[in-house]
């Protein structure tokens, strides 16, 4: 199952450090991610930990601009 969130929300699914599955619309305004899946953090506060797409931390960097 997937969900969509705006690409400027400060969540793992929109962060450059998150290695989970994501997809965007043509204009990169919305990010689609797996609701029940997790992705490994690669450089944020949760470095090396599996986190859900709606998690967040203070090291967030926007992936889609």
PDB file of N, CA and C in Angstrom:
ATOM      1  N   UNK A   1       0.841  -1.173   0.000  1.00  0.00           N
ATOM      2  CA  UNK A   1       0.000   0.000   0.000  1.00  0.00           C
ATOM      3  C   UNK A   1       0.891   1.243   0.000  1.00  0.00           C
ATOM      4  N   UNK A   2       0.495   2.258  -0.737  1.00  0.00           N
ATOM      5  CA  UNK A   2       1.277   3.483  -0.815  1.00  0.00           C
ATOM      6  C   UNK A   2       0.467   4.677  -0.341  1.00  0.00           C
ATOM      7  N   UNK A   3       1.176   5.729   0.034  1.00  0.00           N
ATOM      8  CA  UNK A   3       0.572   6.999   0.430  1.00  0.00           C
ATOM      9  C   UNK A   3       1.317   8.117  -0.261  1.00  0.00           C
ATOM     10  N   UNK A   4       0.689   9.291  -0.331  1.00  0.00           N
ATOM     11  CA  UNK A   4       1.323  10.461  -0.930  1.00  0.00           C
ATOM     12  C   UNK A   4       1.404  11.578   0.096  1.00  0.00           C
ATOM     13  N   UNK A   5       2.536  12.286   0.071  1.00  0.00           N
ATOM     14  CA  UNK A   5       2.714  13.472   0.910  1.00  0.00           C
ATOM     15  C   UNK A   5       3.379  14.549   0.060  1.00  0.00           C
ATOM     16  N   UNK A   6       3.215  15.833   0.420  1.00  0.00           N
ATOM     17  CA  UNK A   6       3.909  16.891  -0.319  1.00  0.00           C
ATOM     18  C   UNK A   6       5.424  16.729  -0.217  1.00  0.00           C
ATOM     19  N   UNK A   7       6.130  17.056  -1.271  1.00  0.00           N
ATOM     20  CA  UNK A   7       7.576  16.835  -1.308  1.00  0.00           C
ATOM     21  C   UNK A   7       8.352  17.748  -0.368  1.00  0.00           C
ATOM     22  N   UNK A   8       7.739  18.804   0.165  1.00  0.00           N
ATOM     23  CA  UNK A   8       8.442  19.687   1.087  1.00  0.00           C
ATOM     24  C   UNK A   8       8.158  19.380   2.565  1.00  0.00           C
ATOM     25  N   UNK A   9       7.427  18.321   2.851  1.00  0.00           N
ATOM     26  CA  UNK A   9       7.213  17.908   4.243  1.00  0.00           C
ATOM     27  C   UNK A   9       8.511  17.340   4.797  1.00  0.00           C
ATOM     28  N   UNK A  10       8.788  17.606   6.041  1.00  0.00           N
ATOM     29  CA  UNK A  10      10.029  17.153   6.681  1.00  0.00           C
ATOM     30  C   UNK A  10       9.866  15.750   7.256  1.00  0.00           C
ATOM     31  N   UNK A  11       9.771  14.781   6.365  1.00  0.00           N
ATOM     32  CA  UNK A  11       9.649  13.374   6.736  1.00  0.00           C
ATOM     33  C   UNK A  11      10.726  12.569   6.026  1.00  0.00           C
ATOM     34  N   UNK A  12      10.996  11.374   6.520  1.00  0.00           N
ATOM     35  CA  UNK A  12      12.029  10.521   5.932  1.00  0.00           C
ATOM     36  C   UNK A  12      11.770  10.239   4.449  1.00  0.00           C
ATOM     37  N   UNK A  13      10.535  10.058   4.066  1.00  0.00           N
ATOM     38  CA  UNK A  13      10.214   9.721   2.673  1.00  0.00           C
ATOM     39  C   UNK A  13      10.618  10.815   1.691  1.00  0.00           C
ATOM     40  N   UNK A  14      10.815  12.047   2.150  1.00  0.00           N
ATOM     41  CA  UNK A  14      11.200  13.153   1.276  1.00  0.00           C
ATOM     42  C   UNK A  14      12.645  13.595   1.503  1.00  0.00           C
ATOM     43  N   UNK A  15      13.398  12.848   2.282  1.00  0.00           N
ATOM     44  CA  UNK A  15      14.768  13.210   2.659  1.00  0.00           C
ATOM     45  C   UNK A  15      15.804  12.516   1.769  1.00  0.00           C
ATOM     46  N   UNK A  16      16.917  13.182   1.521  1.00  0.00           N
ATOM     47  CA  UNK A  16      17.986  12.601   0.718  1.00  0.00           C
ATOM     48  C   UNK A  16      18.648  11.420   1.406  1.00  0.00           C
ATOM     49  N   UNK A  17      18.562  11.336   2.724  1.00  0.00           N
ATOM     50  CA  UNK A  17      19.220  10.260   3.481  1.00  0.00           C
ATOM     51  C   UNK A  17      18.421   8.960   3.511  1.00  0.00           C
ATOM     52  N   UNK A  18      17.143   9.001   3.150  1.00  0.00           N
ATOM     53  CA  UNK A  18      16.276   7.823   3.282  1.00  0.00           C
ATOM     54  C   UNK A  18      16.388   6.939   2.050  1.00  0.00           C
ATOM     55  N   UNK A  19      16.608   5.650   2.250  1.00  0.00           N
ATOM     56  CA  UNK A  19      16.812   4.707   1.142  1.00  0.00           C
ATOM     57  C   UNK A  19      15.596   3.822   0.883  1.00  0.00           C
ATOM     58  N   UNK A  20      14.429   4.241   1.292  1.00  0.00           N
ATOM     59  CA  UNK A  20      13.213   3.484   1.022  1.00  0.00           C
ATOM     60  C   UNK A  20      12.678   3.790  -0.369  1.00  0.00           C
ATOM     61  N   UNK A  21      11.634   3.060  -0.793  1.00  0.00           N
ATOM     62  CA  UNK A  21      11.044   3.243  -2.110  1.00  0.00           C
ATOM     63  C   UNK A  21      10.224   4.528  -2.156  1.00  0.00           C
ATOM     64  N   UNK A  22      10.473   5.371  -3.153  1.00  0.00           N
ATOM     65  CA  UNK A  22       9.677   6.573  -3.382  1.00  0.00           C
ATOM     66  C   UNK A  22       9.495   6.799  -4.874  1.00  0.00           C
ATOM     67  N   UNK A  23       8.493   7.580  -5.192  1.00  0.00           N
ATOM     68  CA  UNK A  23       8.221   7.983  -6.564  1.00  0.00           C
ATOM     69  C   UNK A  23       7.580   9.365  -6.503  1.00  0.00           C
ATOM     70  N   UNK A  24       7.776  10.178  -7.536  1.00  0.00           N
ATOM     71  CA  UNK A  24       7.186  11.519  -7.550  1.00  0.00           C
ATOM     72  C   UNK A  24       6.280  11.694  -8.765  1.00  0.00           C
ATOM     73  N   UNK A  25       5.463  12.746  -8.703  1.00  0.00           N
ATOM     74  CA  UNK A  25       4.683  13.125  -9.870  1.00  0.00           C
ATOM     75  C   UNK A  25       5.588  13.918 -10.811  1.00  0.00           C
ATOM     76  N   UNK A  26       5.088  14.303 -11.964  1.00  0.00           N
ATOM     77  CA  UNK A  26       5.880  14.976 -12.988  1.00  0.00           C
ATOM     78  C   UNK A  26       6.509  16.272 -12.483  1.00  0.00           C
ATOM     79  N   UNK A  27       5.789  17.029 -11.673  1.00  0.00           N
ATOM     80  CA  UNK A  27       6.278  18.319 -11.188  1.00  0.00           C
ATOM     81  C   UNK A  27       7.012  18.236  -9.846  1.00  0.00           C
ATOM     82  N   UNK A  28       7.183  17.014  -9.333  1.00  0.00           N
ATOM     83  CA  UNK A  28       7.863  16.753  -8.053  1.00  0.00           C
ATOM     84  C   UNK A  28       7.228  17.488  -6.874  1.00  0.00           C
ATOM     85  N   UNK A  29       5.915  17.630  -6.893  1.00  0.00           N
ATOM     86  CA  UNK A  29       5.202  18.260  -5.788  1.00  0.00           C
ATOM     87  C   UNK A  29       4.709  17.241  -4.772  1.00  0.00           C
ATOM     88  N   UNK A  30       4.529  16.002  -5.198  1.00  0.00           N
ATOM     89  CA  UNK A  30       4.041  14.932  -4.327  1.00  0.00           C
ATOM     90  C   UNK A  30       5.005  13.760  -4.352  1.00  0.00           C
ATOM     91  N   UNK A  31       5.204  13.143  -3.205  1.00  0.00           N
ATOM     92  CA  UNK A  31       6.052  11.957  -3.099  1.00  0.00           C
ATOM     93  C   UNK A  31       5.178  10.788  -2.680  1.00  0.00           C
ATOM     94  N   UNK A  32       5.272   9.698  -3.399  1.00  0.00           N
ATOM     95  CA  UNK A  32       4.558   8.475  -3.065  1.00  0.00           C
ATOM     96  C   UNK A  32       5.562   7.520  -2.424  1.00  0.00           C
ATOM     97  N   UNK A  33       5.176   6.877  -1.331  1.00  0.00           N
ATOM     98  CA  UNK A  33       6.061   5.960  -0.617  1.00  0.00           C
ATOM     99  C   UNK A  33       5.258   4.790  -0.090  1.00  0.00           C
ATOM    100  N   UNK A  34       5.943   3.708   0.255  1.00  0.00           N
ATOM    101  CA  UNK A  34       5.261   2.531   0.794  1.00  0.00           C
ATOM    102  C   UNK A  34       4.867   2.784   2.243  1.00  0.00           C
ATOM    103  N   UNK A  35       3.575   2.678   2.522  1.00  0.00           N
ATOM    104  CA  UNK A  35       3.056   2.963   3.859  1.00  0.00           C
ATOM    105  C   UNK A  35       3.550   1.960   4.891  1.00  0.00           C
ATOM    106  N   UNK A  36       3.552   0.684   4.550  1.00  0.00           N
ATOM    107  CA  UNK A  36       3.935  -0.348   5.517  1.00  0.00           C
ATOM    108  C   UNK A  36       5.396  -0.740   5.410  1.00  0.00           C
ATOM    109  N   UNK A  37       6.135  -0.108   4.526  1.00  0.00           N
ATOM    110  CA  UNK A  37       7.542  -0.438   4.359  1.00  0.00           C
ATOM    111  C   UNK A  37       8.442   0.493   5.150  1.00  0.00           C
ATOM    112  N   UNK A  38       9.698   0.129   5.225  1.00  0.00           N
ATOM    113  CA  UNK A  38      10.689   0.978   5.871  1.00  0.00           C
ATOM    114  C   UNK A  38      11.867   1.150   4.919  1.00  0.00           C
ATOM    115  N   UNK A  39      12.696   2.102   5.229  1.00  0.00           N
ATOM    116  CA  UNK A  39      13.902   2.329   4.460  1.00  0.00           C
ATOM    117  C   UNK A  39      15.041   2.626   5.413  1.00  0.00           C
ATOM    118  N   UNK A  40      16.220   2.292   5.017  1.00  0.00           N
ATOM    119  CA  UNK A  40      17.385   2.527   5.871  1.00  0.00           C
ATOM    120  C   UNK A  40      17.809   3.988   5.761  1.00  0.00           C
ATOM    121  N   UNK A  41      18.099   4.596   6.899  1.00  0.00           N
ATOM    122  CA  UNK A  41      18.623   5.956   6.943  1.00  0.00           C
ATOM    123  C   UNK A  41      20.120   5.893   6.623  1.00  0.00           C
ATOM    124  N   UNK A  42      20.569   6.780   5.742  1.00  0.00           N
ATOM    125  CA  UNK A  42      21.973   6.777   5.335  1.00  0.00           C
ATOM    126  C   UNK A  42      22.600   8.147   5.568  1.00  0.00           C
ATOM    127  N   UNK A  43      22.702   8.535   6.833  1.00  0.00           N
ATOM    128  CA  UNK A  43      23.381   9.783   7.144  1.00  0.00           C
ATOM    129  C   UNK A  43      22.642  10.723   8.059  1.00  0.00           C
ATOM    130  N   UNK A  44      21.393  10.466   8.359  1.00  0.00           N
ATOM    131  CA  UNK A  44      20.640  11.317   9.271  1.00  0.00           C
ATOM    132  C   UNK A  44      20.856  10.893  10.712  1.00  0.00           C
ATOM    133  N   UNK A  45      19.989  11.339  11.582  1.00  0.00           N
ATOM    134  CA  UNK A  45      20.073  10.982  13.004  1.00  0.00           C
ATOM    135  C   UNK A  45      19.948   9.480  13.202  1.00  0.00           C
ATOM    136  N   UNK A  46      19.119   8.824  12.386  1.00  0.00           N
ATOM    137  CA  UNK A  46      18.886   7.383  12.511  1.00  0.00           C
ATOM    138  C   UNK A  46      19.831   6.576  11.613  1.00  0.00           C
ATOM    139  N   UNK A  47      21.016   7.057  11.359  1.00  0.00           N
ATOM    140  CA  UNK A  47      21.973   6.445  10.435  1.00  0.00           C
ATOM    141  C   UNK A  47      22.089   4.938  10.650  1.00  0.00           C
ATOM    142  N   UNK A  48      21.774   4.176   9.583  1.00  0.00           N
ATOM    143  CA  UNK A  48      21.861   2.724   9.625  1.00  0.00           C
ATOM    144  C   UNK A  48      20.638   2.024  10.169  1.00  0.00           C
ATOM    145  N   UNK A  49      19.616   2.762  10.566  1.00  0.00           N
ATOM    146  CA  UNK A  49      18.410   2.187  11.168  1.00  0.00           C
ATOM    147  C   UNK A  49      17.272   2.193  10.148  1.00  0.00           C
ATOM    148  N   UNK A  50      16.470   1.128  10.151  1.00  0.00           N
ATOM    149  CA  UNK A  50      15.273   1.066   9.310  1.00  0.00           C
ATOM    150  C   UNK A  50      14.207   1.981   9.907  1.00  0.00           C
ATOM    151  N   UNK A  51      13.717   2.956   9.123  1.00  0.00           N
ATOM    152  CA  UNK A  51      12.705   3.888   9.608  1.00  0.00           C
ATOM    153  C   UNK A  51      11.525   3.942   8.647  1.00  0.00           C
ATOM    154  N   UNK A  52      10.308   4.184   9.162  1.00  0.00           N
ATOM    155  CA  UNK A  52       9.148   4.358   8.283  1.00  0.00           C
ATOM    156  C   UNK A  52       9.212   5.711   7.580  1.00  0.00           C
ATOM    157  N   UNK A  53       8.486   5.849   6.503  1.00  0.00           N
ATOM    158  CA  UNK A  53       8.499   7.070   5.703  1.00  0.00           C
ATOM    159  C   UNK A  53       8.042   8.318   6.421  1.00  0.00           C
ATOM    160  N   UNK A  54       7.197   8.199   7.425  1.00  0.00           N
ATOM    161  CA  UNK A  54       6.699   9.381   8.125  1.00  0.00           C
ATOM    162  C   UNK A  54       7.540   9.777   9.333  1.00  0.00           C
ATOM    163  N   UNK A  55       8.636   9.086   9.590  1.00  0.00           N
ATOM    164  CA  UNK A  55       9.543   9.519  10.653  1.00  0.00           C
ATOM    165  C   UNK A  55      10.228  10.798  10.205  1.00  0.00           C
ATOM    166  N   UNK A  56      10.846  11.492  11.156  1.00  0.00           N
ATOM    167  CA  UNK A  56      11.570  12.712  10.807  1.00  0.00           C
ATOM    168  C   UNK A  56      12.675  12.969  11.822  1.00  0.00           C
ATOM    169  N   UNK A  57      13.623  13.817  11.443  1.00  0.00           N
ATOM    170  CA  UNK A  57      14.699  14.216  12.353  1.00  0.00           C
ATOM    171  C   UNK A  57      15.193  15.601  11.953  1.00  0.00           C
ATOM    172  N   UNK A  58      16.076  16.168  12.735  1.00  0.00           N
ATOM    173  CA  UNK A  58      16.548  17.524  12.474  1.00  0.00           C
ATOM    174  C   UNK A  58      17.588  17.606  11.349  1.00  0.00           C
ATOM    175  N   UNK A  59      18.076  16.488  10.834  1.00  0.00           N
ATOM    176  CA  UNK A  59      19.041  16.492   9.732  1.00  0.00           C
ATOM    177  C   UNK A  59      18.370  16.337   8.368  1.00  0.00           C
ATOM    178  N   UNK A  60      17.072  16.570   8.298  1.00  0.00           N
ATOM    179  CA  UNK A  60      16.319  16.414   7.046  1.00  0.00           C
ATOM    180  C   UNK A  60      16.873  17.327   5.960  1.00  0.00           C
ATOM    181  N   UNK A  61      17.053  16.755   4.758  1.00  0.00           N
ATOM    182  CA  UNK A  61      17.457  17.513   3.568  1.00  0.00           C
ATOM    183  C   UNK A  61      16.503  17.142   2.448  1.00  0.00           C
ATOM    184  N   UNK A  62      15.909  18.130   1.818  1.00  0.00           N
ATOM    185  CA  UNK A  62      14.891  17.878   0.794  1.00  0.00           C
ATOM    186  C   UNK A  62      15.479  17.171  -0.418  1.00  0.00           C
ATOM    187  N   UNK A  63      14.876  16.045  -0.780  1.00  0.00           N
ATOM    188  CA  UNK A  63      15.321  15.234  -1.920  1.00  0.00           C
ATOM    189  C   UNK A  63      14.802  15.793  -3.238  1.00  0.00           C
ATOM    190  N   UNK A  64      13.537  16.092  -3.308  1.00  0.00           N
ATOM    191  CA  UNK A  64      12.916  16.521  -4.565  1.00  0.00           C
ATOM    192  C   UNK A  64      12.652  18.011  -4.531  1.00  0.00           C
ATOM    193  N   UNK A  65      13.270  18.755  -5.444  1.00  0.00           N
ATOM    194  CA  UNK A  65      13.092  20.212  -5.490  1.00  0.00           C
ATOM    195  C   UNK A  65      12.450  20.624  -6.780  1.00  0.00           C
TER     196      UNK A  65
END
